[in-house]
């Protein structure tokens, strides 16, 4: 009940303060009365962006959804490939892809649609689907290389394969202790 009694007083006080602020001569100029300041081309204007240097075009790199998709498609690991007759199936990341398949959304809020245009044992080509349904103009090729590669090297002081007595260093080889149970 007290709040309802104080509300008219507050509104009345606000109106008087606003009227007294407008009546004060020190609060000038109003935006409509402010003079226009012209800056010549030779003067330094801090409100304008950086000027382009003569002979050099400033490059603005903007990351688009297509560039993020291209980078992601190149980073996904290829886990395997199965060839049955004329068709190939590739396991890429958590995706199982065949030629002609449309990829699910890989990015949050993705608007670009991507299709597998070409797929064989050596190469796969992704195409970005246009409005007319074609995907031949904007493509992203990716080679398929499933040859084994060395990820870890054993140190040079490791025992040789033809040595009769193994050395004390493990060198990447795990030896079984005599009291440990046998692995099967």
Protein backbone atom coordinates (compact mmCIF):
# COMPACT_ATOMS: atom_id res chain seq x y z
CA UNK A 1 0.00 0.00 0.00
CA UNK A 2 2.89 2.38 0.77
CA UNK A 3 4.35 1.86 -2.70
CA UNK A 4 1.13 3.12 -4.32
CA UNK A 5 1.24 6.32 -2.26
CA UNK A 6 4.88 7.00 -3.16
CA UNK A 7 4.48 6.37 -6.90
CA UNK A 8 2.68 9.69 -7.69
CA UNK A 9 5.33 11.57 -5.71
CA UNK A 10 8.10 9.86 -7.67
CA UNK A 11 6.47 10.63 -11.02
CA UNK A 12 5.98 14.28 -10.00
CA UNK A 13 9.62 14.58 -8.90
CA UNK A 14 10.81 13.05 -12.20
CA UNK A 15 8.78 15.53 -14.23
CA UNK A 16 10.17 18.50 -12.28
CA UNK A 17 13.76 17.27 -12.68
CA UNK A 18 13.32 16.78 -16.41
CA UNK A 19 11.80 20.25 -16.79
CA UNK A 20 14.60 21.88 -14.81
CA UNK A 21 17.27 20.09 -16.92
CA UNK A 22 15.75 21.39 -20.14
CA UNK A 23 15.58 24.90 -18.74
CA UNK A 24 19.29 25.00 -17.89
CA UNK A 25 21.34 26.88 -20.49
CA UNK A 26 24.50 24.79 -19.89
CA UNK A 27 23.15 21.68 -21.63
CA UNK A 28 23.78 22.79 -25.17
CA UNK A 29 24.13 22.17 -28.07
CA UNK A 30 21.35 19.82 -28.94
CA UNK A 31 22.12 17.29 -31.69
CA UNK A 32 20.17 19.36 -34.20
CA UNK A 33 22.14 22.51 -33.25
CA UNK A 34 25.59 20.90 -33.43
CA UNK A 35 27.89 22.31 -36.16
CA UNK A 36 29.06 20.02 -38.94
CA UNK A 37 32.83 19.54 -39.02
CA UNK A 38 34.36 18.81 -42.42
CA UNK A 39 37.64 16.88 -42.55
CA UNK A 40 39.79 17.39 -45.60
CA UNK A 41 41.33 14.34 -47.32
CA UNK A 42 44.81 15.39 -46.17
CA UNK A 43 43.86 15.50 -42.47
CA UNK A 44 43.94 12.42 -40.26
CA UNK A 45 40.38 11.32 -39.48
CA UNK A 46 40.33 8.85 -36.56
CA UNK A 47 36.77 7.75 -37.33
CA UNK A 48 37.60 6.30 -40.73
CA UNK A 49 39.17 2.85 -41.18
CA UNK A 50 42.81 2.36 -42.12
CA UNK A 51 43.61 3.74 -45.55
CA UNK A 52 44.72 1.29 -48.21
CA UNK A 53 48.35 1.53 -49.13
CA UNK A 54 49.10 2.42 -52.72
CA UNK A 55 49.91 -0.64 -54.81
CA UNK A 56 48.72 -3.04 -52.11
CA UNK A 57 45.21 -4.30 -51.64
CA UNK A 58 44.29 -5.12 -48.10
CA UNK A 59 43.22 -8.71 -47.81
CA UNK A 60 40.37 -9.51 -45.52
CA UNK A 61 40.20 -13.17 -44.67
CA UNK A 62 36.69 -14.14 -43.86
CA UNK A 63 36.09 -17.73 -42.89
CA UNK A 64 32.98 -18.94 -44.64
CA UNK A 65 30.93 -22.02 -43.94
CA UNK A 66 32.28 -23.60 -47.11
CA UNK A 67 35.90 -23.09 -46.03
CA UNK A 68 35.18 -24.59 -42.61
CA UNK A 69 33.51 -27.59 -44.27
CA UNK A 70 36.46 -28.06 -46.64
CA UNK A 71 38.92 -27.99 -43.75
CA UNK A 72 36.81 -30.45 -41.75
CA UNK A 73 36.48 -32.85 -44.70
CA UNK A 74 40.25 -32.89 -45.10
CA UNK A 75 40.85 -33.52 -41.38
CA UNK A 76 38.43 -36.40 -40.84
CA UNK A 77 40.44 -39.65 -40.65
CA UNK A 78 39.77 -42.38 -43.20
CA UNK A 79 39.43 -45.62 -41.28
CA UNK A 80 38.93 -48.08 -44.11
CA UNK A 81 37.49 -48.86 -47.51
CA UNK A 82 35.41 -51.80 -48.72
CA UNK A 83 35.09 -52.56 -52.42
CA UNK A 84 32.35 -54.94 -53.52
CA UNK A 85 32.12 -55.25 -57.27
CA UNK A 86 31.79 -51.75 -58.69
CA UNK A 87 30.77 -49.98 -55.46
CA UNK A 88 33.08 -48.62 -52.80
CA UNK A 89 32.22 -47.80 -49.20
CA UNK A 90 34.54 -45.56 -47.16
CA UNK A 91 34.60 -45.16 -43.39
CA UNK A 92 35.56 -41.53 -42.73
CA UNK A 93 35.40 -40.48 -39.10
CA UNK A 94 32.04 -41.79 -37.90
CA UNK A 95 30.52 -41.56 -41.40
CA UNK A 96 29.99 -44.44 -43.83
CA UNK A 97 30.02 -42.94 -47.34
CA UNK A 98 29.06 -44.25 -50.78
CA UNK A 99 29.11 -42.47 -54.11
CA UNK A 100 26.05 -40.24 -54.41
CA UNK A 101 25.41 -40.01 -50.64
CA UNK A 102 24.64 -36.63 -49.13
CA UNK A 103 26.64 -35.95 -45.98
CA UNK A 104 24.75 -35.15 -42.78
CA UNK A 105 25.24 -31.78 -41.10
CA UNK A 106 28.82 -31.59 -39.85
CA UNK A 107 28.62 -28.07 -38.42
CA UNK A 108 26.07 -26.59 -36.10
CA UNK A 109 23.51 -24.63 -38.12
CA UNK A 110 25.00 -25.81 -41.43
CA UNK A 111 23.24 -24.50 -44.54
CA UNK A 112 25.57 -25.89 -47.22
CA UNK A 113 24.75 -29.36 -48.52
CA UNK A 114 27.61 -31.70 -49.48
CA UNK A 115 27.46 -34.84 -51.64
CA UNK A 116 30.00 -37.55 -52.48
CA UNK A 117 30.43 -37.03 -56.23
CA UNK A 118 33.14 -39.60 -57.00
CA UNK A 119 34.51 -42.49 -54.94
CA UNK A 120 37.09 -45.15 -55.78
CA UNK A 121 40.04 -46.85 -54.04
CA UNK A 122 42.40 -43.90 -54.55
CA UNK A 123 40.24 -40.78 -54.44
CA UNK A 124 36.98 -39.33 -53.24
CA UNK A 125 35.48 -36.06 -54.43
CA UNK A 126 32.98 -34.01 -52.44
CA UNK A 127 30.67 -31.57 -54.20
CA UNK A 128 28.79 -28.65 -52.71
CA UNK A 129 25.18 -28.86 -53.92
CA UNK A 130 23.94 -25.76 -55.74
CA UNK A 131 20.35 -24.48 -55.77
CA UNK A 132 19.62 -26.29 -59.03
CA UNK A 133 20.72 -29.62 -57.49
CA UNK A 134 24.06 -29.97 -59.32
CA UNK A 135 27.32 -30.44 -57.47
CA UNK A 136 29.93 -30.37 -60.23
CA UNK A 137 31.10 -26.76 -59.96
CA UNK A 138 32.38 -26.49 -56.38
CA UNK A 139 34.27 -29.67 -55.48
CA UNK A 140 36.80 -30.80 -52.89
CA UNK A 141 39.01 -33.77 -53.88
CA UNK A 142 40.64 -35.97 -51.25
CA UNK A 143 43.10 -38.76 -51.87
CA UNK A 144 42.71 -42.05 -50.04
CA UNK A 145 45.99 -43.45 -48.76
CA UNK A 146 45.69 -46.46 -46.48
CA UNK A 147 49.31 -47.60 -46.64
CA UNK A 148 50.78 -48.26 -43.20
CA UNK A 149 52.91 -45.53 -41.71
CA UNK A 150 55.40 -45.45 -38.87
CA UNK A 151 54.14 -43.40 -35.95
CA UNK A 152 56.70 -44.32 -33.29
CA UNK A 153 60.36 -45.15 -33.79
CA UNK A 154 62.16 -47.57 -31.49
CA UNK A 155 65.41 -46.10 -30.10
CA UNK A 156 68.66 -47.09 -31.76
CA UNK A 157 70.03 -48.87 -28.69
CA UNK A 158 67.27 -51.50 -28.85
CA UNK A 159 68.46 -55.14 -29.04
CA UNK A 160 68.89 -56.51 -32.53
CA UNK A 161 66.51 -59.21 -33.72
CA UNK A 162 69.34 -61.72 -34.23
CA UNK A 163 71.05 -61.03 -30.86
CA UNK A 164 71.28 -64.13 -28.65
CA UNK A 165 71.06 -62.21 -25.36
CA UNK A 166 68.62 -59.26 -24.98
CA UNK A 167 70.00 -56.07 -23.47
CA UNK A 168 68.74 -54.46 -20.27
CA UNK A 169 66.87 -51.66 -22.07
CA UNK A 170 63.38 -52.37 -23.30
CA UNK A 171 63.67 -50.31 -26.47
CA UNK A 172 59.97 -50.55 -27.18
CA UNK A 173 59.74 -54.29 -26.48
CA UNK A 174 57.76 -55.34 -23.41
CA UNK A 175 59.24 -58.41 -21.76
CA UNK A 176 57.14 -60.64 -19.56
CA UNK A 177 58.32 -61.13 -15.99
CA UNK A 178 58.81 -64.79 -14.89
CA UNK A 179 56.26 -64.54 -12.08
CA UNK A 180 53.58 -62.78 -14.21
CA UNK A 181 50.73 -64.87 -15.65
CA UNK A 182 51.02 -65.70 -19.35
CA UNK A 183 49.08 -63.64 -21.85
CA UNK A 184 46.85 -65.59 -24.22
